[in-house]
């Protein structure tokens, strides 16, 4: 796991994100090296996770290119250049099923024991 991926996973885990998965996108995506997917308990939790990650990323010298998904969003995307973070509510994650879309790519599940 890269330094940025570890930073993202640790930050999300500390704020109680669930089911954090890193998908390797090297050689597939021209704009990022990996996706990090995380599940929030509800819409407010999703917004809180995104705000905290954005704040901590900027504080720790990671660039934030873009954030998509505003108030009330069930899917929030944060682009940290080499890592794109997808924060979903459980229903939205089940609906969009990005893990299934990229099932042929190497992936790694974040474990709280790693934090």
Foldseek 3Di string as FASTA:
>chain_A
DDPVLVLLVVLLVVLPWPFWKKWACPPPDPFAGIEIETEAQAQVSLVVSVVSSVVVCVVVPFDWPDWDDDRPGQWIWTCSGHYIYIYGHPVVCVVVVVCVVRVVTDMDTDDPVVD
